[in-house]
Amino acid sequence: MSIVAAKPYKSVYCVENIDASVDAHKLISFVSSLGVRVFLCFEVKPRMSARQRLHGITPSHKTFRLCINRADNNTLLQSDS
């Protein structure tokens, strides 16, 4: 019988309104510098209102899906970060 470590719990965040020059690697680097363990980070389509879609407005910002270790939630969500 072997003992295997349990998978760490994760939290998933939608990080919106990020400057268009930022990519996933830059975001991971920033979040990691706060002491947060990042499992996964990738760009997703920004949310848009019905009015924006109707008028063909393209967003000038980026949105990311960020998965971190749940134990680091408080570190990520500190207001001074």
PDB file of N, CA and C in Angstrom:
ATOM      1  N   MET A   1       0.838  -1.167   0.000  1.00  0.00           N
ATOM      2  CA  MET A   1       0.000   0.000   0.000  1.00  0.00           C
ATOM      3  C   MET A   1       0.889   1.239   0.000  1.00  0.00           C
ATOM      4  N   SER A   2       0.613   2.159  -0.901  1.00  0.00           N
ATOM      5  CA  SER A   2       1.397   3.394  -0.937  1.00  0.00           C
ATOM      6  C   SER A   2       0.530   4.573  -0.520  1.00  0.00           C
ATOM      7  N   ILE A   3       1.159   5.532   0.053  1.00  0.00           N
ATOM      8  CA  ILE A   3       0.454   6.735   0.495  1.00  0.00           C
ATOM      9  C   ILE A   3       0.782   7.855  -0.485  1.00  0.00           C
ATOM     10  N   VAL A   4      -0.260   8.491  -0.983  1.00  0.00           N
ATOM     11  CA  VAL A   4      -0.091   9.561  -1.957  1.00  0.00           C
ATOM     12  C   VAL A   4      -0.645  10.853  -1.355  1.00  0.00           C
ATOM     13  N   ALA A   5       0.071  11.928  -1.558  1.00  0.00           N
ATOM     14  CA  ALA A   5      -0.386  13.226  -1.045  1.00  0.00           C
ATOM     15  C   ALA A   5      -1.641  13.662  -1.785  1.00  0.00           C
ATOM     16  N   ALA A   6      -2.541  14.267  -1.046  1.00  0.00           N
ATOM     17  CA  ALA A   6      -3.769  14.773  -1.656  1.00  0.00           C
ATOM     18  C   ALA A   6      -3.459  15.992  -2.519  1.00  0.00           C
ATOM     19  N   LYS A   7      -4.270  16.187  -3.536  1.00  0.00           N
ATOM     20  CA  LYS A   7      -4.112  17.363  -4.379  1.00  0.00           C
ATOM     21  C   LYS A   7      -4.499  18.594  -3.567  1.00  0.00           C
ATOM     22  N   PRO A   8      -3.747  19.679  -3.714  1.00  0.00           N
ATOM     23  CA  PRO A   8      -4.124  20.895  -2.985  1.00  0.00           C
ATOM     24  C   PRO A   8      -5.412  21.475  -3.567  1.00  0.00           C
ATOM     25  N   TYR A   9      -6.202  22.066  -2.705  1.00  0.00           N
ATOM     26  CA  TYR A   9      -7.417  22.710  -3.165  1.00  0.00           C
ATOM     27  C   TYR A   9      -7.044  23.973  -3.925  1.00  0.00           C
ATOM     28  N   LYS A  10      -7.854  24.320  -4.914  1.00  0.00           N
ATOM     29  CA  LYS A  10      -7.548  25.507  -5.692  1.00  0.00           C
ATOM     30  C   LYS A  10      -8.720  26.477  -5.668  1.00  0.00           C
ATOM     31  N   SER A  11      -8.408  27.728  -5.895  1.00  0.00           N
ATOM     32  CA  SER A  11      -9.401  28.778  -6.067  1.00  0.00           C
ATOM     33  C   SER A  11      -9.210  29.342  -7.465  1.00  0.00           C
ATOM     34  N   VAL A  12     -10.315  29.689  -8.097  1.00  0.00           N
ATOM     35  CA  VAL A  12     -10.268  30.211  -9.457  1.00  0.00           C
ATOM     36  C   VAL A  12     -10.822  31.631  -9.452  1.00  0.00           C
ATOM     37  N   TYR A  13     -10.068  32.534 -10.048  1.00  0.00           N
ATOM     38  CA  TYR A  13     -10.460  33.943 -10.111  1.00  0.00           C
ATOM     39  C   TYR A  13     -10.521  34.417 -11.551  1.00  0.00           C
ATOM     40  N   CYS A  14     -11.409  35.357 -11.786  1.00  0.00           N
ATOM     41  CA  CYS A  14     -11.467  36.076 -13.050  1.00  0.00           C
ATOM     42  C   CYS A  14     -10.804  37.418 -12.787  1.00  0.00           C
ATOM     43  N   VAL A  15      -9.680  37.657 -13.436  1.00  0.00           N
ATOM     44  CA  VAL A  15      -8.934  38.900 -13.251  1.00  0.00           C
ATOM     45  C   VAL A  15      -9.194  39.754 -14.484  1.00  0.00           C
ATOM     46  N   GLU A  16      -9.953  40.837 -14.282  1.00  0.00           N
ATOM     47  CA  GLU A  16     -10.397  41.657 -15.416  1.00  0.00           C
ATOM     48  C   GLU A  16      -9.736  43.025 -15.435  1.00  0.00           C
ATOM     49  N   ASN A  17      -9.931  43.697 -16.559  1.00  0.00           N
ATOM     50  CA  ASN A  17      -9.489  45.080 -16.760  1.00  0.00           C
ATOM     51  C   ASN A  17      -7.977  45.206 -16.621  1.00  0.00           C
ATOM     52  N   ILE A  18      -7.269  44.281 -17.239  1.00  0.00           N
ATOM     53  CA  ILE A  18      -5.811  44.270 -17.224  1.00  0.00           C
ATOM     54  C   ILE A  18      -5.317  44.927 -18.507  1.00  0.00           C
ATOM     55  N   ASP A  19      -4.276  45.726 -18.407  1.00  0.00           N
ATOM     56  CA  ASP A  19      -3.721  46.416 -19.571  1.00  0.00           C
ATOM     57  C   ASP A  19      -3.420  45.426 -20.696  1.00  0.00           C
ATOM     58  N   ALA A  20      -3.653  45.856 -21.915  1.00  0.00           N
ATOM     59  CA  ALA A  20      -3.485  44.985 -23.082  1.00  0.00           C
ATOM     60  C   ALA A  20      -2.049  44.518 -23.285  1.00  0.00           C
ATOM     61  N   SER A  21      -1.075  45.205 -22.687  1.00  0.00           N
ATOM     62  CA  SER A  21       0.329  44.808 -22.856  1.00  0.00           C
ATOM     63  C   SER A  21       0.726  43.642 -21.945  1.00  0.00           C
ATOM     64  N   VAL A  22      -0.132  43.276 -21.005  1.00  0.00           N
ATOM     65  CA  VAL A  22       0.172  42.204 -20.059  1.00  0.00           C
ATOM     66  C   VAL A  22      -0.209  40.852 -20.662  1.00  0.00           C
ATOM     67  N   ASP A  23       0.677  39.872 -20.529  1.00  0.00           N
ATOM     68  CA  ASP A  23       0.353  38.510 -20.952  1.00  0.00           C
ATOM     69  C   ASP A  23       0.303  37.610 -19.717  1.00  0.00           C
ATOM     70  N   ALA A  24      -0.019  36.355 -19.921  1.00  0.00           N
ATOM     71  CA  ALA A  24      -0.173  35.422 -18.803  1.00  0.00           C
ATOM     72  C   ALA A  24       1.118  35.287 -18.001  1.00  0.00           C
ATOM     73  N   HIS A  25       2.268  35.280 -18.674  1.00  0.00           N
ATOM     74  CA  HIS A  25       3.547  35.133 -17.963  1.00  0.00           C
ATOM     75  C   HIS A  25       3.801  36.319 -17.032  1.00  0.00           C
ATOM     76  N   LYS A  26       3.466  37.522 -17.483  1.00  0.00           N
ATOM     77  CA  LYS A  26       3.657  38.706 -16.642  1.00  0.00           C
ATOM     78  C   LYS A  26       2.726  38.662 -15.430  1.00  0.00           C
ATOM     79  N   LEU A  27       1.496  38.229 -15.639  1.00  0.00           N
ATOM     80  CA  LEU A  27       0.550  38.142 -14.527  1.00  0.00           C
ATOM     81  C   LEU A  27       0.991  37.084 -13.521  1.00  0.00           C
ATOM     82  N   ILE A  28       1.430  35.933 -14.012  1.00  0.00           N
ATOM     83  CA  ILE A  28       1.939  34.881 -13.126  1.00  0.00           C
ATOM     84  C   ILE A  28       3.132  35.397 -12.327  1.00  0.00           C
ATOM     85  N   SER A  29       4.025  36.111 -12.976  1.00  0.00           N
ATOM     86  CA  SER A  29       5.202  36.650 -12.304  1.00  0.00           C
ATOM     87  C   SER A  29       4.795  37.620 -11.198  1.00  0.00           C
ATOM     88  N   PHE A  30       3.834  38.497 -11.485  1.00  0.00           N
ATOM     89  CA  PHE A  30       3.378  39.462 -10.481  1.00  0.00           C
ATOM     90  C   PHE A  30       2.730  38.755  -9.295  1.00  0.00           C
ATOM     91  N   VAL A  31       1.801  37.845  -9.580  1.00  0.00           N
ATOM     92  CA  VAL A  31       1.079  37.152  -8.514  1.00  0.00           C
ATOM     93  C   VAL A  31       2.053  36.298  -7.686  1.00  0.00           C
ATOM     94  N   SER A  32       2.984  35.656  -8.338  1.00  0.00           N
ATOM     95  CA  SER A  32       3.985  34.848  -7.627  1.00  0.00           C
ATOM     96  C   SER A  32       4.861  35.713  -6.729  1.00  0.00           C
ATOM     97  N   SER A  33       5.152  36.951  -7.162  1.00  0.00           N
ATOM     98  CA  SER A  33       5.983  37.850  -6.358  1.00  0.00           C
ATOM     99  C   SER A  33       5.288  38.249  -5.054  1.00  0.00           C
ATOM    100  N   LEU A  34       3.966  38.080  -5.006  1.00  0.00           N
ATOM    101  CA  LEU A  34       3.207  38.350  -3.784  1.00  0.00           C
ATOM    102  C   LEU A  34       3.277  37.180  -2.804  1.00  0.00           C
ATOM    103  N   GLY A  35       3.840  36.057  -3.254  1.00  0.00           N
ATOM    104  CA  GLY A  35       3.920  34.867  -2.422  1.00  0.00           C
ATOM    105  C   GLY A  35       2.762  33.910  -2.656  1.00  0.00           C
ATOM    106  N   VAL A  36       2.060  34.078  -3.759  1.00  0.00           N
ATOM    107  CA  VAL A  36       0.910  33.236  -4.095  1.00  0.00           C
ATOM    108  C   VAL A  36       1.369  32.135  -5.043  1.00  0.00           C
ATOM    109  N   ARG A  37       0.969  30.904  -4.749  1.00  0.00           N
ATOM    110  CA  ARG A  37       1.320  29.767  -5.602  1.00  0.00           C
ATOM    111  C   ARG A  37       0.286  29.642  -6.720  1.00  0.00           C
ATOM    112  N   VAL A  38       0.738  29.835  -7.959  1.00  0.00           N
ATOM    113  CA  VAL A  38      -0.145  29.808  -9.127  1.00  0.00           C
ATOM    114  C   VAL A  38      -0.105  28.429  -9.760  1.00  0.00           C
ATOM    115  N   PHE A  39      -1.290  27.840  -9.972  1.00  0.00           N
ATOM    116  CA  PHE A  39      -1.388  26.557 -10.670  1.00  0.00           C
ATOM    117  C   PHE A  39      -1.511  26.769 -12.173  1.00  0.00           C
ATOM    118  N   LEU A  40      -2.323  27.750 -12.559  1.00  0.00           N
ATOM    119  CA  LEU A  40      -2.649  27.930 -13.966  1.00  0.00           C
ATOM    120  C   LEU A  40      -3.115  29.356 -14.191  1.00  0.00           C
ATOM    121  N   CYS A  41      -2.795  29.913 -15.342  1.00  0.00           N
ATOM    122  CA  CYS A  41      -3.255  31.251 -15.705  1.00  0.00           C
ATOM    123  C   CYS A  41      -3.324  31.310 -17.220  1.00  0.00           C
ATOM    124  N   PHE A  42      -4.474  31.743 -17.732  1.00  0.00           N
ATOM    125  CA  PHE A  42      -4.585  31.893 -19.180  1.00  0.00           C
ATOM    126  C   PHE A  42      -5.585  32.982 -19.521  1.00  0.00           C
ATOM    127  N   GLU A  43      -5.421  33.548 -20.716  1.00  0.00           N
ATOM    128  CA  GLU A  43      -6.281  34.634 -21.172  1.00  0.00           C
ATOM    129  C   GLU A  43      -7.627  34.085 -21.643  1.00  0.00           C
ATOM    130  N   VAL A  44      -8.692  34.816 -21.323  1.00  0.00           N
ATOM    131  CA  VAL A  44     -10.036  34.481 -21.774  1.00  0.00           C
ATOM    132  C   VAL A  44     -10.649  35.721 -22.420  1.00  0.00           C
ATOM    133  N   LYS A  45     -11.783  35.541 -23.078  1.00  0.00           N
ATOM    134  CA  LYS A  45     -12.452  36.679 -23.692  1.00  0.00           C
ATOM    135  C   LYS A  45     -13.017  37.593 -22.613  1.00  0.00           C
ATOM    136  N   PRO A  46     -12.803  38.902 -22.745  1.00  0.00           N
ATOM    137  CA  PRO A  46     -13.364  39.835 -21.761  1.00  0.00           C
ATOM    138  C   PRO A  46     -14.887  39.814 -21.780  1.00  0.00           C
ATOM    139  N   ARG A  47     -15.476  40.034 -20.628  1.00  0.00           N
ATOM    140  CA  ARG A  47     -16.924  40.133 -20.544  1.00  0.00           C
ATOM    141  C   ARG A  47     -17.358  41.434 -21.208  1.00  0.00           C
ATOM    142  N   MET A  48     -18.492  41.374 -21.884  1.00  0.00           N
ATOM    143  CA  MET A  48     -19.008  42.559 -22.557  1.00  0.00           C
ATOM    144  C   MET A  48     -20.503  42.673 -22.304  1.00  0.00           C
ATOM    145  N   SER A  49     -20.974  43.900 -22.175  1.00  0.00           N
ATOM    146  CA  SER A  49     -22.411  44.119 -22.000  1.00  0.00           C
ATOM    147  C   SER A  49     -23.114  43.909 -23.334  1.00  0.00           C
ATOM    148  N   ALA A  50     -24.417  43.755 -23.277  1.00  0.00           N
ATOM    149  CA  ALA A  50     -25.205  43.590 -24.504  1.00  0.00           C
ATOM    150  C   ALA A  50     -25.037  44.814 -25.401  1.00  0.00           C
ATOM    151  N   ARG A  51     -24.965  45.989 -24.799  1.00  0.00           N
ATOM    152  CA  ARG A  51     -24.793  47.226 -25.576  1.00  0.00           C
ATOM    153  C   ARG A  51     -23.456  47.213 -26.313  1.00  0.00           C
ATOM    154  N   GLN A  52     -22.407  46.783 -25.658  1.00  0.00           N
ATOM    155  CA  GLN A  52     -21.097  46.719 -26.297  1.00  0.00           C
ATOM    156  C   GLN A  52     -21.107  45.741 -27.469  1.00  0.00           C
ATOM    157  N   ARG A  53     -21.710  44.578 -27.258  1.00  0.00           N
ATOM    158  CA  ARG A  53     -21.790  43.587 -28.339  1.00  0.00           C
ATOM    159  C   ARG A  53     -22.616  44.106 -29.497  1.00  0.00           C
ATOM    160  N   LEU A  54     -23.732  44.761 -29.191  1.00  0.00           N
ATOM    161  CA  LEU A  54     -24.632  45.284 -30.223  1.00  0.00           C
ATOM    162  C   LEU A  54     -23.939  46.324 -31.090  1.00  0.00           C
ATOM    163  N   HIS A  55     -23.120  47.160 -30.482  1.00  0.00           N
ATOM    164  CA  HIS A  55     -22.447  48.232 -31.215  1.00  0.00           C
ATOM    165  C   HIS A  55     -21.057  47.830 -31.712  1.00  0.00           C
ATOM    166  N   GLY A  56     -20.684  46.586 -31.539  1.00  0.00           N
ATOM    167  CA  GLY A  56     -19.404  46.087 -32.046  1.00  0.00           C
ATOM    168  C   GLY A  56     -18.191  46.700 -31.373  1.00  0.00           C
ATOM    169  N   ILE A  57     -18.348  47.096 -30.124  1.00  0.00           N
ATOM    170  CA  ILE A  57     -17.229  47.686 -29.388  1.00  0.00           C
ATOM    171  C   ILE A  57     -16.261  46.582 -28.970  1.00  0.00           C
ATOM    172  N   THR A  58     -14.994  46.771 -29.300  1.00  0.00           N
ATOM    173  CA  THR A  58     -13.986  45.792 -28.900  1.00  0.00           C
ATOM    174  C   THR A  58     -13.286  46.293 -27.642  1.00  0.00           C
ATOM    175  N   PRO A  59     -13.114  45.445 -26.665  1.00  0.00           N
ATOM    176  CA  PRO A  59     -12.483  45.869 -25.414  1.00  0.00           C
ATOM    177  C   PRO A  59     -11.009  46.210 -25.614  1.00  0.00           C
ATOM    178  N   SER A  60     -10.538  47.174 -24.854  1.00  0.00           N
ATOM    179  CA  SER A  60      -9.130  47.587 -24.940  1.00  0.00           C
ATOM    180  C   SER A  60      -8.319  47.008 -23.785  1.00  0.00           C
ATOM    181  N   HIS A  61      -8.882  46.032 -23.095  1.00  0.00           N
ATOM    182  CA  HIS A  61      -8.204  45.413 -21.961  1.00  0.00           C
ATOM    183  C   HIS A  61      -8.242  43.894 -22.108  1.00  0.00           C
ATOM    184  N   LYS A  62      -7.561  43.212 -21.199  1.00  0.00           N
ATOM    185  CA  LYS A  62      -7.533  41.745 -21.208  1.00  0.00           C
ATOM    186  C   LYS A  62      -8.171  41.201 -19.937  1.00  0.00           C
ATOM    187  N   THR A  63      -8.574  39.939 -20.026  1.00  0.00           N
ATOM    188  CA  THR A  63      -9.143  39.218 -18.892  1.00  0.00           C
ATOM    189  C   THR A  63      -8.438  37.864 -18.793  1.00  0.00           C
ATOM    190  N   PHE A  64      -8.164  37.420 -17.563  1.00  0.00           N
ATOM    191  CA  PHE A  64      -7.464  36.158 -17.346  1.00  0.00           C
ATOM    192  C   PHE A  64      -8.221  35.289 -16.353  1.00  0.00           C
ATOM    193  N   ARG A  65      -8.058  33.997 -16.507  1.00  0.00           N
ATOM    194  CA  ARG A  65      -8.515  33.034 -15.513  1.00  0.00           C
ATOM    195  C   ARG A  65      -7.278  32.637 -14.731  1.00  0.00           C
ATOM    196  N   LEU A  66      -7.346  32.813 -13.418  1.00  0.00           N
ATOM    197  CA  LEU A  66      -6.202  32.573 -12.547  1.00  0.00           C
ATOM    198  C   LEU A  66      -6.567  31.520 -11.516  1.00  0.00           C
ATOM    199  N   CYS A  67      -5.835  30.416 -11.497  1.00  0.00           N
ATOM    200  CA  CYS A  67      -6.056  29.337 -10.531  1.00  0.00           C
ATOM    201  C   CYS A  67      -4.879  29.330  -9.563  1.00  0.00           C
ATOM    202  N   ILE A  68      -5.199  29.456  -8.261  1.00  0.00           N
ATOM    203  CA  ILE A  68      -4.156  29.504  -7.241  1.00  0.00           C
ATOM    204  C   ILE A  68      -4.439  28.485  -6.146  1.00  0.00           C
ATOM    205  N   ASN A  69      -3.445  28.253  -5.304  1.00  0.00           N
ATOM    206  CA  ASN A  69      -3.633  27.410  -4.140  1.00  0.00           C
ATOM    207  C   ASN A  69      -4.594  28.116  -3.191  1.00  0.00           C
ATOM    208  N   ARG A  70      -5.629  27.420  -2.754  1.00  0.00           N
ATOM    209  CA  ARG A  70      -6.652  28.018  -1.893  1.00  0.00           C
ATOM    210  C   ARG A  70      -6.056  28.597  -0.609  1.00  0.00           C
ATOM    211  N   ALA A  71      -4.982  28.015  -0.128  1.00  0.00           N
ATOM    212  CA  ALA A  71      -4.347  28.504   1.094  1.00  0.00           C
ATOM    213  C   ALA A  71      -3.788  29.919   0.919  1.00  0.00           C
ATOM    214  N   ASP A  72      -3.627  30.372  -0.318  1.00  0.00           N
ATOM    215  CA  ASP A  72      -3.063  31.696  -0.600  1.00  0.00           C
ATOM    216  C   ASP A  72      -4.121  32.756  -0.898  1.00  0.00           C
ATOM    217  N   ASN A  73      -5.402  32.432  -0.693  1.00  0.00           N
ATOM    218  CA  ASN A  73      -6.471  33.394  -0.986  1.00  0.00           C
ATOM    219  C   ASN A  73      -6.274  34.723  -0.271  1.00  0.00           C
ATOM    220  N   ASN A  74      -6.013  34.676   1.028  1.00  0.00           N
ATOM    221  CA  ASN A  74      -5.871  35.924   1.795  1.00  0.00           C
ATOM    222  C   ASN A  74      -4.707  36.753   1.294  1.00  0.00           C
ATOM    223  N   THR A  75      -3.632  36.121   0.897  1.00  0.00           N
ATOM    224  CA  THR A  75      -2.472  36.837   0.381  1.00  0.00           C
ATOM    225  C   THR A  75      -2.826  37.566  -0.915  1.00  0.00           C
ATOM    226  N   LEU A  76      -3.527  36.882  -1.799  1.00  0.00           N
ATOM    227  CA  LEU A  76      -3.907  37.493  -3.078  1.00  0.00           C
ATOM    228  C   LEU A  76      -4.891  38.636  -2.885  1.00  0.00           C
ATOM    229  N   LEU A  77      -5.809  38.475  -1.950  1.00  0.00           N
ATOM    230  CA  LEU A  77      -6.895  39.436  -1.791  1.00  0.00           C
ATOM    231  C   LEU A  77      -6.579  40.595  -0.840  1.00  0.00           C
ATOM    232  N   GLN A  78      -5.365  40.711  -0.373  1.00  0.00           N
ATOM    233  CA  GLN A  78      -4.999  41.844   0.482  1.00  0.00           C
ATOM    234  C   GLN A  78      -5.112  43.135  -0.336  1.00  0.00           C
ATOM    235  N   SER A  79      -5.729  44.151   0.259  1.00  0.00           N
ATOM    236  CA  SER A  79      -5.984  45.394  -0.467  1.00  0.00           C
ATOM    237  C   SER A  79      -4.701  46.130  -0.869  1.00  0.00           C
ATOM    238  N   ASP A  80      -3.609  45.948  -0.147  1.00  0.00           N
ATOM    239  CA  ASP A  80      -2.382  46.645  -0.508  1.00  0.00           C
ATOM    240  C   ASP A  80      -1.632  45.959  -1.650  1.00  0.00           C
ATOM    241  N   SER A  81      -2.083  44.801  -2.092  1.00  0.00           N
ATOM    242  CA  SER A  81      -1.477  44.107  -3.223  1.00  0.00           C
ATOM    243  C   SER A  81      -1.985  44.698  -4.509  1.00  0.00           C
TER     244      SER A  81
END
